[in-house]
Protein backbone atom coordinates (compact mmCIF):
# COMPACT_ATOMS: atom_id res chain seq x y z
CA MET A 1 30.49 -15.03 7.96
CA GLU A 2 33.85 -15.94 9.61
CA LYS A 3 36.08 -13.27 9.89
CA THR A 4 39.43 -13.39 7.88
CA ASP A 5 42.44 -14.00 10.86
CA ILE A 6 44.69 -11.01 9.13
CA LYS A 7 47.46 -11.43 10.93
CA SER A 8 48.11 -15.08 9.98
CA LEU A 9 47.66 -14.27 6.19
CA TYR A 10 51.23 -14.67 4.12
CA PHE A 11 52.11 -11.35 1.75
CA SER A 12 50.56 -12.04 -1.28
CA GLU A 13 47.39 -13.93 0.63
CA LEU A 14 47.17 -10.00 2.25
CA GLU A 15 47.39 -8.81 -1.45
CA GLN A 16 44.83 -11.19 -2.68
CA MET A 17 42.22 -10.44 -0.11
CA LEU A 18 43.21 -6.33 -0.63
CA GLY A 19 42.28 -6.76 -4.40
CA GLU A 20 39.16 -8.67 -3.49
CA MET A 21 37.96 -5.70 -2.15
CA GLY A 22 38.95 -3.24 -4.56
CA GLU A 23 42.07 -1.72 -2.73
CA LYS A 24 45.49 -0.98 -4.88
CA PRO A 25 48.51 -3.45 -4.22
CA PHE A 26 50.33 -0.76 -2.02
CA ARG A 27 48.20 -1.38 0.79
CA ALA A 28 49.27 -4.58 1.59
CA GLY A 29 52.80 -3.48 2.07
CA GLN A 30 51.42 -0.46 4.50
CA ILE A 31 49.01 -2.59 6.59
CA PHE A 32 51.59 -5.45 6.61
CA GLY A 33 54.13 -2.90 8.38
CA TRP A 34 51.47 -2.13 10.46
CA LEU A 35 51.18 -5.81 11.72
CA HIS A 36 54.14 -7.06 11.54
CA GLN A 37 56.64 -4.07 12.21
CA LYS A 38 54.90 -1.29 13.98
CA LEU A 39 52.93 -4.17 16.12
CA VAL A 40 49.37 -2.29 16.02
CA THR A 41 46.63 -3.79 18.16
CA ASP A 42 43.91 -1.72 16.56
CA PHE A 43 42.63 -1.01 12.81
CA GLU A 44 42.17 2.58 13.71
CA GLN A 45 46.01 2.76 14.56
CA MET A 46 46.85 2.70 10.88
CA SER A 47 46.80 6.18 10.34
CA ASN A 48 47.91 6.03 6.60
CA LEU A 49 44.70 4.35 5.67
CA SER A 50 41.29 5.90 4.55
CA LYS A 51 38.39 5.91 7.37
CA GLU A 52 36.95 3.37 4.80
CA LEU A 53 39.47 0.91 4.41
CA ARG A 54 39.81 0.69 8.39
CA LYS A 55 35.87 -0.12 8.41
CA LYS A 56 36.47 -2.83 5.84
CA LEU A 57 38.88 -4.27 7.68
CA LEU A 58 36.99 -4.01 10.97
CA ASP A 59 33.77 -5.65 9.38
CA GLN A 60 35.71 -8.46 7.36
CA CYS A 61 38.93 -9.31 9.44
CA ARG A 62 39.91 -10.18 13.21
CA LEU A 63 42.92 -8.88 14.67
CA THR A 64 44.30 -11.29 17.34
CA VAL A 65 46.08 -9.19 20.12
CA LEU A 66 47.36 -11.28 23.47
CA GLU A 67 47.31 -9.61 26.86
CA PRO A 68 48.87 -11.19 29.67
CA SER A 69 46.44 -12.50 32.72
CA GLN A 70 49.84 -13.27 34.97
CA VAL A 71 53.61 -12.23 34.56
CA LYS A 72 56.18 -13.80 37.11
CA VAL A 73 59.73 -12.06 37.06
CA SER A 74 62.47 -14.13 38.30
CA GLN A 75 64.63 -12.53 41.30
CA ILE A 76 67.30 -15.15 40.30
CA ASP A 77 67.81 -13.92 36.55
CA GLY A 78 65.42 -11.84 35.59
CA THR A 79 63.75 -14.02 33.36
CA CYS A 80 59.51 -13.11 32.47
CA LYS A 81 57.10 -15.74 32.15
CA TYR A 82 53.84 -14.69 30.73
CA LEU A 83 50.54 -16.30 30.99
CA PHE A 84 48.38 -14.85 28.19
CA ARG A 85 44.55 -15.22 27.70
CA LEU A 86 42.94 -16.18 24.11
CA ALA A 87 40.14 -14.76 22.60
CA ASP A 88 38.26 -18.41 23.30
CA GLY A 89 39.16 -18.71 27.14
CA ASN A 90 42.18 -20.47 26.56
CA VAL A 91 45.41 -20.29 28.43
CA ILE A 92 49.06 -20.18 27.19
CA GLU A 93 52.51 -19.58 28.53
CA SER A 94 55.70 -18.03 26.89
CA VAL A 95 58.84 -17.01 28.56
CA TRP A 96 61.53 -14.41 27.87
CA MET A 97 65.36 -14.82 28.34
CA LYS A 98 68.08 -12.59 28.52
CA TYR A 99 71.39 -13.47 27.32
CA GLN A 100 74.56 -11.90 26.18
CA HIS A 101 73.86 -13.14 22.67
CA GLY A 102 70.12 -11.04 22.98
CA CYS A 103 66.62 -11.90 24.11
CA SER A 104 65.24 -15.08 23.36
CA VAL A 105 61.82 -16.08 23.59
CA CYS A 106 60.60 -19.43 23.88
CA ILE A 107 56.88 -19.81 22.74
CA SER A 108 53.84 -22.42 23.21
CA SER A 109 52.48 -23.81 19.66
CA GLN A 110 49.24 -25.76 20.89
CA VAL A 111 47.04 -25.13 24.05
CA GLY A 112 48.50 -27.94 26.02
CA CYS A 113 49.61 -31.22 24.31
CA ARG A 114 48.87 -34.74 23.74
CA MET A 115 52.33 -36.30 23.70
CA GLY A 116 52.40 -37.47 27.02
CA CYS A 117 55.99 -37.04 28.01
CA ARG A 118 56.15 -37.76 31.58
CA PHE A 119 58.17 -35.29 32.68
CA CYS A 120 56.50 -32.44 31.20
CA ALA A 121 53.46 -30.53 32.98
CA SER A 122 52.03 -29.44 29.65
CA THR A 123 50.43 -32.88 28.75
CA ILE A 124 49.06 -33.73 32.39
CA ASP A 125 45.75 -32.17 31.06
CA GLY A 126 45.95 -33.28 27.28
CA LEU A 127 45.71 -31.17 24.00
CA ALA A 128 42.96 -28.30 24.07
CA ARG A 129 43.41 -27.11 20.39
CA ASN A 130 45.99 -25.94 18.07
CA LEU A 131 47.42 -22.20 17.96
CA THR A 132 47.06 -19.94 14.91
CA ALA A 133 50.22 -18.64 13.56
CA SER A 134 49.19 -15.06 14.85
CA GLU A 135 48.56 -16.57 18.51
CA MET A 136 52.17 -17.47 17.96
CA LEU A 137 53.44 -14.37 16.70
CA GLU A 138 51.72 -12.79 18.98
CA GLN A 139 53.63 -14.27 22.03
CA VAL A 140 56.78 -12.69 20.08
CA TYR A 141 55.12 -9.40 19.46
CA ARG A 142 53.72 -8.97 23.06
CA ILE A 143 56.57 -9.53 24.94
CA GLN A 144 58.80 -7.21 22.78
CA GLU A 145 56.39 -4.60 23.11
CA LEU A 146 56.29 -5.27 26.85
CA LYS A 147 59.78 -5.47 27.22
CA GLY A 148 61.11 -2.75 25.22
CA GLU A 149 63.74 -4.60 23.22
CA ARG A 150 64.22 -6.89 20.49
CA ILE A 151 63.39 -10.05 20.24
CA SER A 152 66.44 -11.98 18.66
CA HIS A 153 65.94 -15.37 19.24
CA ILE A 154 62.89 -17.83 19.31
CA VAL A 155 62.83 -21.27 20.52
CA ILE A 156 59.24 -23.34 19.82
CA MET A 157 59.62 -25.03 23.00
CA GLY A 158 56.94 -24.34 25.06
CA SER A 159 53.69 -26.20 25.33
CA GLY A 160 52.73 -28.33 22.47
CA GLU A 161 54.40 -30.61 19.96
CA PRO A 162 55.42 -28.25 16.99
CA PHE A 163 54.97 -30.90 14.33
CA ASP A 164 51.45 -31.96 15.64
CA ASN A 165 50.64 -28.00 14.23
CA TYR A 166 52.91 -28.35 11.46
CA ASP A 167 51.33 -25.64 8.71
CA GLN A 168 50.22 -23.24 11.27
CA VAL A 169 53.90 -23.35 12.85
CA ILE A 170 55.08 -23.13 8.90
CA ARG A 171 53.33 -20.11 8.44
CA PHE A 172 54.99 -18.74 11.50
CA LEU A 173 58.11 -19.18 10.89
CA LYS A 174 58.06 -17.73 7.22
CA LEU A 175 56.18 -14.66 8.89
CA VAL A 176 58.12 -13.82 11.70
CA SER A 177 61.11 -14.11 9.56
CA HIS A 178 59.49 -11.92 6.70
CA GLN A 179 61.72 -9.11 5.42
CA GLN A 180 58.98 -6.48 5.81
CA GLY A 181 57.78 -7.78 9.74
CA LEU A 182 60.30 -8.24 12.55
CA HIS A 183 62.59 -10.22 10.00
CA ILE A 184 64.29 -12.36 12.77
CA SER A 185 66.47 -14.37 11.28
CA LEU A 186 65.71 -18.33 10.25
CA ARG A 187 68.96 -19.00 11.74
CA ASN A 188 68.30 -17.89 15.34
CA ILE A 189 65.37 -20.05 15.66
CA THR A 190 64.91 -23.35 17.22
CA VAL A 191 62.14 -25.85 16.60
CA SER A 192 61.77 -28.74 18.73
CA THR A 193 60.14 -31.77 18.51
CA CYS A 194 60.25 -35.22 20.47
CA GLY A 195 60.35 -37.48 17.34
CA ILE A 196 57.58 -37.01 15.09
CA VAL A 197 59.20 -38.78 11.93
CA PRO A 198 57.16 -37.73 9.15
CA GLY A 199 57.09 -34.00 10.61
CA ILE A 200 60.96 -34.14 10.35
CA ARG A 201 61.18 -35.17 7.17
CA ARG A 202 58.37 -32.66 6.11
CA PHE A 203 60.16 -30.33 8.10
CA GLY A 204 63.77 -31.01 6.18
CA GLU A 205 62.05 -30.66 2.75
CA GLU A 206 60.79 -26.99 3.50
CA GLY A 207 64.45 -25.29 2.90
CA LEU A 208 64.30 -23.35 6.16
CA PRO A 209 67.52 -23.06 7.98
CA VAL A 210 65.98 -23.58 11.07
CA THR A 211 67.73 -25.52 14.07
CA LEU A 212 66.15 -28.79 14.60
CA ALA A 213 66.11 -29.79 18.57
CA LEU A 214 65.12 -33.50 19.27
CA SER A 215 64.09 -34.49 23.03
CA LEU A 216 65.69 -37.43 23.20
CA HIS A 217 66.12 -38.08 26.74
CA ALA A 218 67.20 -41.76 26.67
CA PRO A 219 70.08 -43.69 24.58
CA ASN A 220 68.00 -46.76 24.06
CA ASP A 221 64.14 -47.37 23.17
CA GLU A 222 63.61 -49.10 26.19
CA VAL A 223 64.27 -46.49 28.69
CA ARG A 224 62.69 -43.72 26.12
CA ARG A 225 59.41 -45.69 26.42
CA THR A 226 59.17 -45.44 30.08
CA LEU A 227 59.45 -41.45 29.62
CA MET A 228 58.06 -40.70 25.92
CA PRO A 229 55.13 -42.71 24.83
CA VAL A 230 56.06 -41.31 20.97
CA ALA A 231 58.64 -44.15 21.38
CA ASN A 232 56.53 -47.10 21.08
CA ARG A 233 55.63 -45.35 17.53
CA TYR A 234 58.92 -44.50 16.02
CA SER A 235 62.30 -46.35 17.43
CA LEU A 236 65.29 -44.54 17.76
CA ARG A 237 66.85 -45.99 14.36
CA GLU A 238 63.92 -44.47 12.47
CA ILE A 239 63.88 -40.59 14.11
CA LEU A 240 67.92 -40.39 14.10
CA ALA A 241 67.60 -41.40 10.52
CA ALA A 242 65.16 -38.44 9.67
CA CYS A 243 68.00 -36.31 11.80
CA GLN A 244 70.54 -37.23 9.60
CA GLU A 245 68.54 -36.80 6.48
CA TYR A 246 67.56 -32.91 8.08
CA PHE A 247 71.44 -32.18 8.34
CA GLU A 248 72.04 -33.48 5.20
CA LYS A 249 69.44 -31.12 3.20
CA THR A 250 70.19 -27.69 5.52
CA GLY A 251 73.46 -28.17 6.78
CA ARG A 252 72.01 -27.35 10.30
CA ARG A 253 73.42 -29.63 13.20
CA VAL A 254 70.82 -31.14 15.17
CA THR A 255 70.96 -30.48 18.99
CA PHE A 256 69.25 -33.33 21.33
CA GLU A 257 68.05 -32.33 24.22
CA TYR A 258 68.46 -34.80 27.18
CA SER A 259 66.71 -34.38 30.71
CA LEU A 260 68.55 -35.72 33.41
CA VAL A 261 66.03 -38.03 35.77
CA LYS A 262 68.07 -39.11 38.86
CA GLY A 263 67.82 -42.95 38.95
CA VAL A 264 66.46 -43.39 35.63
CA ASN A 265 68.69 -41.86 32.82
CA ASP A 266 71.63 -40.47 34.40
CA ASN A 267 74.03 -43.51 34.86
CA SER A 268 77.53 -44.01 33.56
CA GLY A 269 76.23 -46.76 31.51
CA GLU A 270 73.87 -44.98 30.22
CA ALA A 271 76.45 -41.92 28.98
CA LYS A 272 78.33 -44.75 27.41
CA ALA A 273 75.33 -46.27 25.50
CA LEU A 274 74.36 -42.63 24.45
CA VAL A 275 78.22 -41.73 23.38
CA ARG A 276 77.53 -44.97 20.95
CA LEU A 277 73.97 -44.02 19.58
CA LEU A 278 75.41 -40.29 18.64
CA ARG A 279 78.88 -40.99 18.07
CA ASN A 280 78.09 -40.45 13.96
CA MET A 281 75.57 -37.67 14.14
CA HIS A 282 75.97 -33.90 13.43
CA GLY A 283 74.79 -32.95 16.19
CA HIS A 284 75.40 -31.29 19.97
CA VAL A 285 74.05 -32.85 23.45
CA ASN A 286 72.08 -29.98 25.53
CA LEU A 287 72.08 -31.78 29.04
CA ILE A 288 68.95 -30.44 31.18
CA PRO A 289 68.43 -31.46 34.85
CA VAL A 290 64.87 -31.85 35.01
CA ASN A 291 62.48 -29.69 36.46
CA PRO A 292 60.91 -31.23 38.77
CA VAL A 293 57.22 -31.55 38.53
CA LYS A 294 54.74 -32.11 41.42
CA GLU A 295 52.51 -34.48 39.50
CA ARG A 296 55.10 -36.57 38.91
CA ASP A 297 58.03 -38.35 41.26
CA PHE A 298 60.65 -37.52 39.12
CA GLU A 299 64.27 -35.82 40.73
CA ARG A 300 66.80 -33.97 39.50
CA SER A 301 70.07 -35.33 39.08
CA ASP A 302 72.89 -34.01 41.53
CA LYS A 303 75.91 -31.72 40.37
CA LYS A 304 78.23 -34.31 40.65
CA ALA A 305 76.01 -37.26 38.61
CA ILE A 306 75.41 -34.53 35.64
CA GLN A 307 79.53 -33.45 35.74
CA GLU A 308 79.80 -36.76 35.39
CA PHE A 309 77.80 -37.92 32.67
CA LYS A 310 78.85 -34.70 31.01
CA GLY A 311 82.42 -35.81 31.10
CA ILE A 312 81.93 -39.28 29.28
CA LEU A 313 80.19 -37.38 26.28
CA GLU A 314 83.43 -34.84 25.98
CA LYS A 315 85.85 -37.48 26.90
CA GLU A 316 84.36 -39.61 23.29
CA GLY A 317 84.40 -36.18 21.44
CA ILE A 318 80.60 -35.37 21.73
CA ALA A 319 79.47 -31.62 21.87
CA VAL A 320 77.69 -30.96 24.48
CA THR A 321 76.68 -28.36 27.40
CA VAL A 322 74.59 -28.44 30.35
CA ARG A 323 71.15 -26.11 29.46
CA ARG A 324 71.81 -23.05 32.20
CA GLU A 325 69.01 -22.78 34.20
CA MET A 326 66.89 -19.83 34.05
CA GLY A 327 63.60 -18.92 36.15
CA ARG A 328 63.21 -21.89 38.32
CA ASP A 329 61.77 -19.72 41.28
CA ILE A 330 59.08 -18.87 38.84
CA GLN A 331 57.89 -22.45 37.34
CA GLY A 332 60.15 -21.60 34.62
CA ALA A 333 59.48 -25.33 32.89
CA CYS A 334 56.99 -25.88 30.42
CA GLY A 335 53.35 -26.06 31.04
CA GLN A 336 53.73 -25.35 34.48
CA LEU A 337 52.57 -21.94 35.05
CA ARG A 338 49.54 -22.56 33.24
CA ARG A 339 48.84 -26.05 35.19
CA SER A 340 49.05 -23.76 38.45
CA PHE A 341 46.62 -21.33 36.68
CA LEU A 342 44.06 -23.83 35.75
CA GLU A 343 44.20 -25.33 39.62
CA GLY A 344 43.09 -22.05 40.83
CA GLY A 345 47.15 -21.28 42.09
């Protein structure tokens, strides 16, 4: 019999499971607190449960706990990158960053990725499998424990396409924000997608006040298709219509992520085209100097080109920022540390 992934259970599901075990309903609150507030790593640590109940849990449930295989700390800004080994031997990566507004973690939603974006190291070896909600939670929980500081913000922007693992990502969001868990505000969570239109529409129906980030990276379909295979399936017109629906349903501004690649999408003509594309959208542009990936021949735009691009957007009234670079000296970009590890580096 396959054991139940107890950390991925909603509170109501935990109550139901315990009822089937013949336990009283209040036990669900105790166990949920141990799992999601006290962040225990062993059923034996649940000291207010009887030995008999702990034995039942051990026999019938599995308790997902991640251990870091590697930890890299940036000498530039203190950013920490964690490589976690999963129970099946796969590895995933997560990043901890400290800002003035608090501590943020960037987590993975899949082992690898099948989206094929050309500037991203996560997708080079394809998709191995989806992560469970508990494996996503554990990235947050273990980093909070290891750092000894409360996590206040989460971005699901590591390896993987969140809407390619939709149900587990929704489960993660509801568990990590639960008032009897870490209770991280959904308004402090960002979910990034490369543009899966049905996923964006479905996500808008959830009624969760989460920030949606779209990996845009080009001002037209022609350039976008050279960078992102998903552009062959969904046009920018379809994607932006879905983003507008998301704003109307949630009231949350969409963030448009735009990686600047030298000689590919960083000239003034493309900046002006981006203005035309986004002029009537309720959103914010986040310019990202692309992280060099050794398997690709892309180079980051120089500082002058970045500032000129930003200036064109600002002049036309587009809200824009340049992402602060974090952890460049520790392979901070998505998928870089995992790929280095898999290569034996």
